[in-house]
Amino acid sequence: MGLSAPAVHERVGKLETAGVITGYRAVVEPTAVGLDVTALIGVIESDSVDETGVEAALAAMPEVEDCWRVAGNEGYVLKVRVTDIPALEAAISALNRIRGVARTRTTVVLSTKWEGRHG
């Protein structure tokens, strides 16, 4: 049973208002815009960490595409996209200079089989 366009629009509006739909985005092929290197970086925090400061510093880095707070040895896992290996090295250096970051652990993505489960 199909819905009319106004009914669909009203339903979507209610989902947005309820916070079920939180936004819309364009899905861009990273390599098409020169972001040829993807890495997952675990951030190990120092004992005297200020989480708010670390999170603000991570949010300010345009290379960080996703950031997850995780359980385990690492406090955060980041998905980073950069143009090339020297840019990855620079991003890792910048992460290690953030106050409250003790060290990082980097895994370079060789290929992406799927991502985002959309489409």
Protein backbone atom coordinates (compact mmCIF):
# COMPACT_ATOMS: atom_id res chain seq x y z
CA MET A 1 0.00 0.00 0.00
CA GLY A 2 1.61 3.25 -1.13
CA LEU A 3 1.53 6.57 0.66
CA SER A 4 0.86 9.88 -1.00
CA ALA A 5 3.71 12.39 -1.21
CA PRO A 6 2.16 14.65 1.48
CA ALA A 7 1.72 11.64 3.80
CA VAL A 8 5.35 10.60 3.28
CA HIS A 9 6.52 14.18 3.88
CA GLU A 10 4.48 14.36 7.11
CA ARG A 11 5.82 10.99 8.32
CA VAL A 12 9.43 11.99 7.59
CA GLY A 13 8.87 15.30 9.39
CA LYS A 14 7.62 13.44 12.48
CA LEU A 15 10.66 11.13 12.40
CA GLU A 16 12.97 14.17 12.18
CA THR A 17 11.19 15.91 15.08
CA ALA A 18 11.38 12.74 17.18
CA GLY A 19 15.14 12.50 16.58
CA VAL A 20 14.88 9.19 14.69
CA ILE A 21 16.21 10.80 11.51
CA THR A 22 19.16 12.92 12.58
CA GLY A 23 20.39 14.21 9.25
CA TYR A 24 21.15 13.67 5.61
CA ARG A 25 24.46 13.44 3.81
CA ALA A 26 26.02 12.95 0.45
CA VAL A 27 28.06 9.76 0.14
CA VAL A 28 31.34 10.66 -1.54
CA GLU A 29 33.89 8.22 -2.95
CA PRO A 30 37.01 9.19 -0.93
CA THR A 31 39.50 8.42 -3.70
CA ALA A 32 37.54 10.65 -6.09
CA VAL A 33 38.43 13.61 -3.87
CA GLY A 34 42.06 12.59 -3.31
CA LEU A 35 41.68 10.77 0.01
CA ASP A 36 43.56 7.64 -1.00
CA VAL A 37 44.63 6.37 2.45
CA THR A 38 42.29 5.20 5.21
CA ALA A 39 43.52 4.13 8.63
CA LEU A 40 41.98 3.05 11.91
CA ILE A 41 43.84 4.60 14.81
CA GLY A 42 43.50 3.54 18.42
CA VAL A 43 44.17 6.32 20.91
CA ILE A 44 45.65 5.25 24.24
CA GLU A 45 45.10 7.91 26.87
CA SER A 46 47.51 9.00 29.58
CA ASP A 47 46.57 8.59 33.24
CA SER A 48 45.92 12.31 33.63
CA VAL A 49 43.59 12.59 30.65
CA ASP A 50 40.97 15.30 30.26
CA GLU A 51 38.42 13.56 28.00
CA THR A 52 36.73 16.84 27.05
CA GLY A 53 40.02 18.31 25.85
CA VAL A 54 40.95 15.17 23.91
CA GLU A 55 37.54 15.00 22.25
CA ALA A 56 37.64 18.69 21.29
CA ALA A 57 41.12 18.23 19.78
CA LEU A 58 39.98 15.15 17.84
CA ALA A 59 36.90 16.97 16.56
CA ALA A 60 39.13 19.81 15.32
CA MET A 61 41.15 17.47 13.10
CA PRO A 62 39.61 17.35 9.60
CA GLU A 63 41.38 14.04 8.91
CA VAL A 64 39.26 12.30 11.57
CA GLU A 65 36.12 11.09 9.82
CA ASP A 66 34.68 8.97 12.64
CA CYS A 67 35.43 8.72 16.35
CA TRP A 68 34.23 6.00 18.70
CA ARG A 69 34.68 5.85 22.50
CA VAL A 70 35.54 2.21 23.18
CA ALA A 71 36.17 -0.22 26.02
CA GLY A 72 39.57 -1.86 26.29
CA ASN A 73 43.16 -0.64 26.16
CA GLU A 74 42.30 2.21 23.83
CA GLY A 75 39.98 5.03 24.82
CA TYR A 76 39.02 5.94 21.27
CA VAL A 77 39.17 4.39 17.82
CA LEU A 78 39.29 6.82 14.91
CA LYS A 79 38.74 6.42 11.19
CA VAL A 80 41.15 8.76 9.46
CA ARG A 81 41.24 9.58 5.74
CA VAL A 82 44.21 11.36 4.19
CA THR A 83 45.78 11.93 0.79
CA ASP A 84 48.90 9.79 1.21
CA ILE A 85 51.28 8.14 3.69
CA PRO A 86 53.16 11.38 4.54
CA ALA A 87 49.79 12.94 5.41
CA LEU A 88 49.00 9.91 7.61
CA GLU A 89 52.34 10.33 9.36
CA ALA A 90 51.53 14.00 9.98
CA ALA A 91 48.09 13.10 11.36
CA ILE A 92 49.58 10.49 13.70
CA SER A 93 52.15 13.04 14.90
CA ALA A 94 49.36 15.57 15.52
CA LEU A 95 47.36 12.99 17.48
CA ASN A 96 50.37 12.15 19.64
CA ARG A 97 50.84 15.86 20.48
CA ILE A 98 47.33 16.13 21.94
CA ARG A 99 47.50 16.61 25.70
CA GLY A 100 46.15 13.45 27.30
CA VAL A 101 47.20 11.10 24.49
CA ALA A 102 49.91 8.69 25.64
CA ARG A 103 50.31 6.90 22.30
CA THR A 104 48.47 5.64 19.25
CA ARG A 105 48.16 2.34 17.39
CA THR A 106 47.55 2.55 13.65
CA THR A 107 46.11 0.00 11.23
CA VAL A 108 46.25 0.98 7.55
CA VAL A 109 43.26 -0.14 5.48
CA LEU A 110 44.41 -2.03 2.37
CA SER A 111 40.99 -2.19 0.70
CA THR A 112 37.35 -1.57 1.63
CA LYS A 113 34.96 -4.44 0.98
CA TRP A 114 31.94 -2.42 2.15
CA GLU A 115 31.34 0.57 4.33
CA GLY A 116 28.30 2.13 5.95
CA ARG A 117 25.88 -0.63 4.91
CA HIS A 118 24.01 1.84 2.70
CA GLY A 119 22.98 1.19 -0.87
